[in-house]
Amino acid sequence: MKTHHVSLLTGNFKQNAHFYVDILGLRFIKNSINQANPHMRHVYYGDFFGTPGTVVTFFPDAKLDRPRVDGKMFFNGIHFGVPAGALPYWQERLLSFNLPATIDGRGILHTQDFDAIPIEIKAVNQQQFDWHINFMSDVPANKQITGILGAELHVPDVVATANFFEQLFSDYGVVVKGNVINLADEQAIYLYETPNDAPESKFGKGSTDHFALAVESSQDLDYLWARAQEQGWRREVYIDRGYFNSIYFIEPGGNRVEVATTNPGFTLDESVQDLGTTFALPPRFDANKEVLRKWWADQGVLFDDYQPYSGTGRVNNAKVVAIHDQTGNTRND
């Protein structure tokens, strides 16, 4: 089982997009609304396709531009992977934007975004390839972020939360060792116990709304939804999000955990070239789309923050050369 996405809060969309697009080099892949509250935006960043496991989403709202309280229970930070050998590049890049960038004794690069979300960057043995490369970024292809590796999870009772993950997801390869919830491909969630006198957590800028794990199909969701009931875990909702189907749980510490399918994906309503460039809504919102578009236009939001990709799908927009151009012979296959 791997990460699907992580969703957080911000009070400043432009500042948020500057960090995740201009600095981290992710692609802006979806310009939408909070499906539970259509008068709140929901924006998505990821690799060029918006591949599950690379996606970070934010709910931007000026009302959230207040300090968060990380108290009794909270997810903390985002852990990203980059190709082996890329950490010096990232340290230099972050420093050039006047951001903190220190590498610890474990070889992990630490920084933070403009909402003081802790960001960890770790070298992994993979790199983006083909159309997963963000051709619209100035970050070189062999240095680009490969995906999400995990996060921290702070809870009052580490054992109870560990049991939730291990018992519910045991058939999906999730294993807990000590305070580490081990997922696939070097991904992990790190558990930390909060003190008894910790204050109540309060959402604000930089808070994590939920952490989502990936499964292949709705059959997996059906299985886990029933299994959670059998095991006595707190179920929240089973819902069609358009770009994927989801189930939500509240783990024993009080944090929201989502499980989402890897299909149909973000090209449901936009082409690969157009991702993130239109007012995007899943089909079930079609009847209200124009009403919502007008409401947002009245707020000065036109959902035209980014332009479509018009390149060749090659690094530096290299020319696509047909086989017969190289050999002088035309092939019929």
Protein backbone atom coordinates (compact mmCIF):
# COMPACT_ATOMS: atom_id res chain seq x y z
CA MET A 1 0.00 0.00 0.00
CA LYS A 2 1.31 3.42 -0.99
CA THR A 3 0.41 7.05 -0.49
CA HIS A 4 -2.33 8.48 -2.72
CA HIS A 5 -2.22 12.14 -1.69
CA VAL A 6 -2.09 14.48 1.28
CA SER A 7 -4.48 17.42 1.76
CA LEU A 8 -3.68 20.52 3.78
CA LEU A 9 -4.91 24.05 4.50
CA THR A 10 -3.54 27.44 3.49
CA GLY A 11 -4.70 31.02 3.82
CA ASN A 12 -2.85 32.37 0.79
CA PHE A 13 -3.27 30.67 -2.59
CA LYS A 14 -0.71 32.73 -4.54
CA GLN A 15 1.98 32.22 -1.94
CA ASN A 16 1.14 28.51 -1.75
CA ALA A 17 1.29 28.05 -5.52
CA HIS A 18 4.57 29.94 -5.68
CA PHE A 19 6.14 27.44 -3.30
CA TYR A 20 4.80 24.20 -4.75
CA VAL A 21 4.95 25.16 -8.45
CA ASP A 22 7.71 27.75 -8.83
CA ILE A 23 10.06 26.45 -6.14
CA LEU A 24 9.38 22.72 -5.75
CA GLY A 25 8.64 22.28 -9.45
CA LEU A 26 5.35 20.42 -9.16
CA ARG A 27 2.68 20.91 -11.78
CA PHE A 28 -0.59 22.67 -10.97
CA ILE A 29 -2.94 19.86 -11.99
CA LYS A 30 -6.44 20.73 -10.82
CA ASN A 31 -8.26 23.99 -10.08
CA SER A 32 -11.43 23.00 -8.27
CA ILE A 33 -13.60 23.51 -5.20
CA ASN A 34 -14.10 21.80 -1.87
CA GLN A 35 -16.82 19.28 -2.68
CA ALA A 36 -18.25 19.58 0.84
CA ASN A 37 -18.16 23.39 0.69
CA PRO A 38 -18.26 24.69 -2.91
CA HIS A 39 -17.45 28.21 -1.71
CA MET A 40 -13.96 27.08 -0.75
CA ARG A 41 -11.30 26.35 -3.38
CA HIS A 42 -9.41 23.07 -3.67
CA VAL A 43 -6.17 23.08 -5.65
CA TYR A 44 -3.93 20.14 -6.56
CA TYR A 45 -0.22 19.78 -7.34
CA GLY A 46 1.64 16.71 -8.61
CA ASP A 47 3.74 15.28 -11.41
CA PHE A 48 2.81 16.01 -15.02
CA PHE A 49 0.00 13.43 -15.03
CA GLY A 50 -1.15 13.98 -11.46
CA THR A 51 -0.11 10.42 -10.67
CA PRO A 52 -1.40 9.10 -7.32
CA GLY A 53 1.45 9.20 -4.85
CA THR A 54 2.79 12.50 -6.19
CA VAL A 55 -0.24 14.66 -5.37
CA VAL A 56 -0.44 17.36 -2.69
CA THR A 57 -3.69 19.31 -2.39
CA PHE A 58 -4.65 22.45 -0.51
CA PHE A 59 -7.85 24.16 0.55
CA PRO A 60 -7.01 27.88 0.23
CA ASP A 61 -9.21 30.26 2.20
CA ALA A 62 -8.43 33.64 3.75
CA LYS A 63 -10.32 32.54 6.89
CA LEU A 64 -7.60 29.93 7.40
CA ASP A 65 -4.85 32.55 7.46
CA ARG A 66 -4.42 32.12 11.19
CA PRO A 67 -1.88 30.21 13.28
CA ARG A 68 -2.59 26.51 13.65
CA VAL A 69 -2.40 24.71 16.97
CA ASP A 70 -0.63 21.36 16.71
CA GLY A 71 -1.87 19.90 19.97
CA LYS A 72 -3.16 16.48 21.00
CA MET A 73 -3.51 15.07 17.50
CA PHE A 74 -2.22 16.13 14.09
CA PHE A 75 -0.44 15.04 10.96
CA ASN A 76 2.77 17.00 10.55
CA GLY A 77 4.74 17.86 7.43
CA ILE A 78 5.29 16.29 4.03
CA HIS A 79 8.15 13.97 3.13
CA PHE A 80 9.22 14.02 -0.53
CA GLY A 81 11.59 11.85 -2.53
CA VAL A 82 14.11 13.09 -5.09
CA PRO A 83 16.58 11.13 -7.26
CA ALA A 84 19.84 9.95 -5.71
CA GLY A 85 22.47 12.68 -5.93
CA ALA A 86 19.94 15.52 -6.16
CA LEU A 87 20.09 16.81 -2.57
CA PRO A 88 22.91 19.35 -3.18
CA TYR A 89 20.88 20.80 -6.06
CA TRP A 90 17.82 21.12 -3.84
CA GLN A 91 19.72 22.67 -0.98
CA GLU A 92 21.19 25.30 -3.30
CA ARG A 93 17.82 25.94 -4.95
CA LEU A 94 15.96 26.41 -1.67
CA LEU A 95 18.65 28.74 -0.33
CA SER A 96 18.40 30.80 -3.53
CA PHE A 97 14.76 31.48 -2.59
CA ASN A 98 15.84 32.51 0.93
CA LEU A 99 14.33 29.37 2.45
CA PRO A 100 15.95 27.26 5.17
CA ALA A 101 17.76 24.19 3.82
CA THR A 102 19.80 21.98 6.11
CA ILE A 103 20.87 18.36 5.62
CA ASP A 104 20.96 16.26 8.80
CA GLY A 105 23.22 13.36 9.70
CA ARG A 106 20.81 10.90 8.08
CA GLY A 107 21.13 12.68 4.75
CA ILE A 108 17.64 14.22 4.87
CA LEU A 109 17.11 17.81 3.69
CA HIS A 110 14.87 19.94 5.90
CA THR A 111 13.01 23.07 4.83
CA GLN A 112 9.52 24.55 5.22
CA ASP A 113 6.92 26.25 3.06
CA PHE A 114 5.44 29.70 3.64
CA ASP A 115 2.85 28.29 6.07
CA ALA A 116 5.65 26.75 8.19
CA ILE A 117 4.80 23.22 7.02
CA PRO A 118 7.92 21.12 7.69
CA ILE A 119 9.22 19.62 4.45
CA GLU A 120 11.67 16.71 4.38
CA ILE A 121 13.41 15.72 1.16
CA LYS A 122 15.12 12.33 0.91
CA ALA A 123 17.12 10.72 -1.89
CA VAL A 124 15.56 7.59 -3.43
CA ASN A 125 16.59 5.22 -6.20
CA GLN A 126 14.16 6.45 -8.83
CA GLN A 127 13.49 9.49 -10.99
CA GLN A 128 10.67 10.82 -13.12
CA PHE A 129 10.48 9.56 -16.71
CA ASP A 130 8.54 10.13 -19.94
CA TRP A 131 5.30 12.05 -19.35
CA HIS A 132 5.71 12.00 -15.57
CA ILE A 133 8.39 14.67 -16.02
CA ASN A 134 7.02 18.16 -15.47
CA PHE A 135 8.08 19.76 -18.75
CA MET A 136 6.72 23.10 -17.51
CA SER A 137 9.22 23.38 -14.64
CA ASP A 138 12.76 24.74 -14.66
CA VAL A 139 13.80 21.91 -12.30
CA PRO A 140 15.87 19.45 -14.41
CA ALA A 141 14.17 16.12 -15.11
CA ASN A 142 16.83 14.19 -13.21
CA LYS A 143 16.31 16.36 -10.11
CA GLN A 144 12.49 16.53 -9.96
CA ILE A 145 10.49 15.34 -6.97
CA THR A 146 9.50 11.70 -7.44
CA GLY A 147 6.58 11.62 -5.01
CA ILE A 148 5.43 11.63 -1.40
CA LEU A 149 7.29 9.40 1.04
CA GLY A 150 5.13 10.02 4.10
CA ALA A 151 4.58 12.30 7.08
CA GLU A 152 4.54 12.41 10.86
CA LEU A 153 1.43 11.48 12.85
CA HIS A 154 1.17 12.80 16.41
CA VAL A 155 -1.38 11.06 18.65
CA PRO A 156 -2.14 10.54 22.37
CA ASP A 157 -1.85 6.74 22.15
CA VAL A 158 0.73 5.44 19.67
CA VAL A 159 -0.21 1.80 20.27
CA ALA A 160 -3.90 2.37 19.51
CA THR A 161 -3.13 4.21 16.28
CA ALA A 162 -0.54 1.61 15.26
CA ASN A 163 -3.12 -1.14 15.80
CA PHE A 164 -5.58 0.69 13.55
CA PHE A 165 -3.16 0.80 10.64
CA GLU A 166 -1.78 -2.69 11.09
CA GLN A 167 -5.09 -4.47 11.65
CA LEU A 168 -7.14 -2.65 9.03
CA PHE A 169 -4.50 -2.67 6.28
CA SER A 170 -2.63 -5.91 7.05
CA ASP A 171 -3.83 -7.51 3.81
CA TYR A 172 -2.24 -4.61 1.90
CA GLY A 173 1.28 -5.08 3.22
CA VAL A 174 1.20 -2.45 5.95
CA VAL A 175 3.53 -3.43 8.82
CA VAL A 176 4.18 -1.45 11.99
CA LYS A 177 7.63 -1.69 13.57
CA GLY A 178 8.13 0.42 16.65
CA ASN A 179 6.77 3.85 15.85
CA VAL A 180 6.97 3.42 12.06
CA ILE A 181 3.98 2.52 9.86
CA ASN A 182 5.77 0.97 6.91
CA LEU A 183 4.14 1.36 3.50
CA ALA A 184 5.54 0.26 0.12
CA ASP A 185 8.57 1.69 -1.71
CA GLU A 186 10.33 3.31 1.26
CA GLN A 187 7.18 5.19 2.24
CA ALA A 188 6.25 5.46 5.91
CA ILE A 189 4.20 7.34 8.49
CA TYR A 190 6.12 8.09 11.71
CA LEU A 191 4.18 7.98 14.97
CA TYR A 192 4.87 10.34 17.86
CA GLU A 193 3.09 10.41 21.21
CA THR A 194 1.74 13.78 22.33
CA PRO A 195 2.02 14.78 25.99
CA ASN A 196 -0.95 14.49 28.33
CA ASP A 197 -1.11 18.26 28.81
CA ALA A 198 -1.08 19.04 25.06
CA PRO A 199 -3.76 21.58 24.06
CA GLU A 200 -6.62 20.76 21.74
CA SER A 201 -5.51 20.92 18.11
CA LYS A 202 -6.98 23.72 16.01
CA PHE A 203 -6.89 24.01 12.23
CA GLY A 204 -5.08 26.95 10.71
CA LYS A 205 -2.66 27.63 7.87
CA GLY A 206 -0.44 24.61 7.34
CA SER A 207 -2.69 22.10 9.08
CA THR A 208 -3.14 18.70 7.45
CA ASP A 209 -6.78 17.87 6.80
CA HIS A 210 -6.11 14.23 5.91
CA PHE A 211 -3.59 11.72 4.63
CA ALA A 212 -4.74 9.38 1.84
CA LEU A 213 -3.58 5.87 1.00
CA ALA A 214 -4.05 4.27 -2.42
CA VAL A 215 -5.88 1.14 -3.54
CA GLU A 216 -6.55 -0.12 -7.04
CA SER A 217 -10.33 -0.38 -7.16
CA SER A 218 -13.70 0.19 -5.51
CA GLN A 219 -13.72 -3.52 -4.64
CA ASP A 220 -10.80 -2.75 -2.33
CA LEU A 221 -12.80 0.08 -0.78
CA ASP A 222 -15.80 -2.22 -0.26
CA TYR A 223 -13.56 -4.75 1.47
CA LEU A 224 -11.91 -2.20 3.77
CA TRP A 225 -15.20 -0.45 4.57
CA ALA A 226 -16.71 -3.75 5.74
CA ARG A 227 -13.50 -4.81 7.49
CA ALA A 228 -13.41 -1.55 9.47
CA GLN A 229 -16.93 -2.18 10.71
CA GLU A 230 -16.06 -5.74 11.71
CA GLN A 231 -12.99 -4.55 13.61
CA GLY A 232 -14.82 -1.67 15.28
CA TRP A 233 -12.98 1.28 13.75
CA ARG A 234 -14.69 4.64 13.29
CA ARG A 235 -15.93 5.04 9.72
CA GLU A 236 -16.72 8.53 8.43
CA VAL A 237 -17.96 8.45 4.82
CA TYR A 238 -17.84 6.44 1.56
CA ILE A 239 -18.03 8.84 -1.39
CA ASP A 240 -17.42 9.34 -5.11
CA ARG A 241 -14.93 12.20 -5.55
CA GLY A 242 -15.09 12.01 -9.35
CA TYR A 243 -11.36 11.68 -9.90
CA PHE A 244 -11.36 8.72 -7.50
CA ASN A 245 -13.65 6.96 -5.06
CA SER A 246 -12.86 7.32 -1.38
CA ILE A 247 -13.54 6.06 2.10
CA TYR A 248 -12.65 8.04 5.21
CA PHE A 249 -11.85 6.87 8.70
CA ILE A 250 -11.05 8.62 11.96
CA GLU A 251 -8.12 6.80 13.51
CA PRO A 252 -8.11 6.37 17.34
CA GLY A 253 -6.11 9.56 17.85
CA GLY A 254 -8.74 11.62 16.03
CA ASN A 255 -7.01 12.23 12.68
CA ARG A 256 -8.69 11.68 9.32
CA VAL A 257 -7.31 8.89 7.11
CA GLU A 258 -8.59 8.44 3.56
CA VAL A 259 -8.28 5.48 1.22
CA ALA A 260 -8.72 6.38 -2.46
CA THR A 261 -8.72 4.52 -5.76
CA THR A 262 -6.06 5.20 -8.37
CA ASN A 263 -8.70 5.60 -11.10
CA PRO A 264 -10.23 7.22 -13.10
CA GLY A 265 -7.70 10.02 -12.43
CA PHE A 266 -7.41 13.73 -13.11
CA THR A 267 -7.89 13.45 -16.88
CA LEU A 268 -11.58 12.69 -16.22
CA ASP A 269 -12.52 16.25 -17.17
CA GLU A 270 -9.33 17.74 -18.66
CA SER A 271 -6.76 16.49 -21.15
CA VAL A 272 -3.19 15.94 -20.02
CA GLN A 273 -2.20 19.17 -21.78
CA ASP A 274 -5.01 21.13 -20.08
CA LEU A 275 -4.64 19.87 -16.51
CA GLY A 276 -5.10 22.69 -14.02
CA THR A 277 -6.18 25.31 -16.56
CA THR A 278 -9.99 25.23 -16.31
CA PHE A 279 -12.68 25.36 -13.65
CA ALA A 280 -12.67 21.64 -12.94
CA LEU A 281 -15.59 19.81 -11.36
CA PRO A 282 -16.47 16.11 -11.31
CA PRO A 283 -19.53 15.14 -13.39
CA ARG A 284 -21.93 15.04 -10.44
CA PHE A 285 -21.54 18.83 -10.12
CA ASP A 286 -22.41 19.54 -13.78
CA ALA A 287 -25.89 20.86 -12.99
CA ASN A 288 -24.47 23.56 -10.69
CA LYS A 289 -21.26 24.33 -12.55
CA GLU A 290 -22.30 27.59 -14.17
CA VAL A 291 -23.91 28.87 -10.97
CA LEU A 292 -20.70 28.13 -9.10
CA ARG A 293 -18.57 29.65 -11.86
CA LYS A 294 -20.56 32.89 -11.61
CA TRP A 295 -20.32 32.96 -7.82
CA TRP A 296 -16.55 32.55 -8.00
CA ALA A 297 -16.24 35.15 -10.76
CA ASP A 298 -18.01 37.59 -8.45
CA GLN A 299 -15.28 36.86 -5.91
CA GLY A 300 -12.64 37.63 -8.54
CA VAL A 301 -11.64 34.00 -9.11
CA LEU A 302 -11.69 32.94 -12.77
CA PHE A 303 -9.77 29.66 -12.45
CA ASP A 304 -7.35 30.77 -15.17
CA ASP A 305 -4.20 30.86 -13.07
CA TYR A 306 -2.22 28.56 -15.41
CA GLN A 307 -2.06 27.98 -19.16
CA PRO A 308 -2.19 24.66 -21.08
CA TYR A 309 0.96 22.79 -22.04
CA SER A 310 1.78 23.06 -25.73
CA GLY A 311 5.16 21.35 -25.92
CA THR A 312 6.32 18.14 -27.56
CA GLY A 313 6.41 15.93 -24.50
CA ARG A 314 10.20 15.91 -24.61
CA VAL A 315 12.73 17.60 -22.34
CA ASN A 316 13.46 21.12 -23.62
CA ASN A 317 10.69 20.60 -26.22
CA ALA A 318 13.02 18.47 -28.31
CA LYS A 319 11.74 17.65 -31.79
CA VAL A 320 9.93 14.33 -32.23
CA VAL A 321 11.78 12.65 -35.12
CA ALA A 322 10.10 9.96 -37.23
CA ILE A 323 12.01 6.72 -37.83
CA HIS A 324 12.38 7.31 -41.57
CA ASP A 325 14.07 10.67 -40.89
CA GLN A 326 16.95 8.84 -39.25
CA THR A 327 17.40 5.97 -41.72
CA GLY A 328 16.21 7.46 -44.96
CA ASN A 329 13.66 4.65 -45.31
CA THR A 330 9.98 4.75 -44.53
CA ARG A 331 8.69 1.92 -42.39
CA ASN A 332 5.17 0.64 -42.80
CA ASP A 333 4.71 -0.65 -39.25
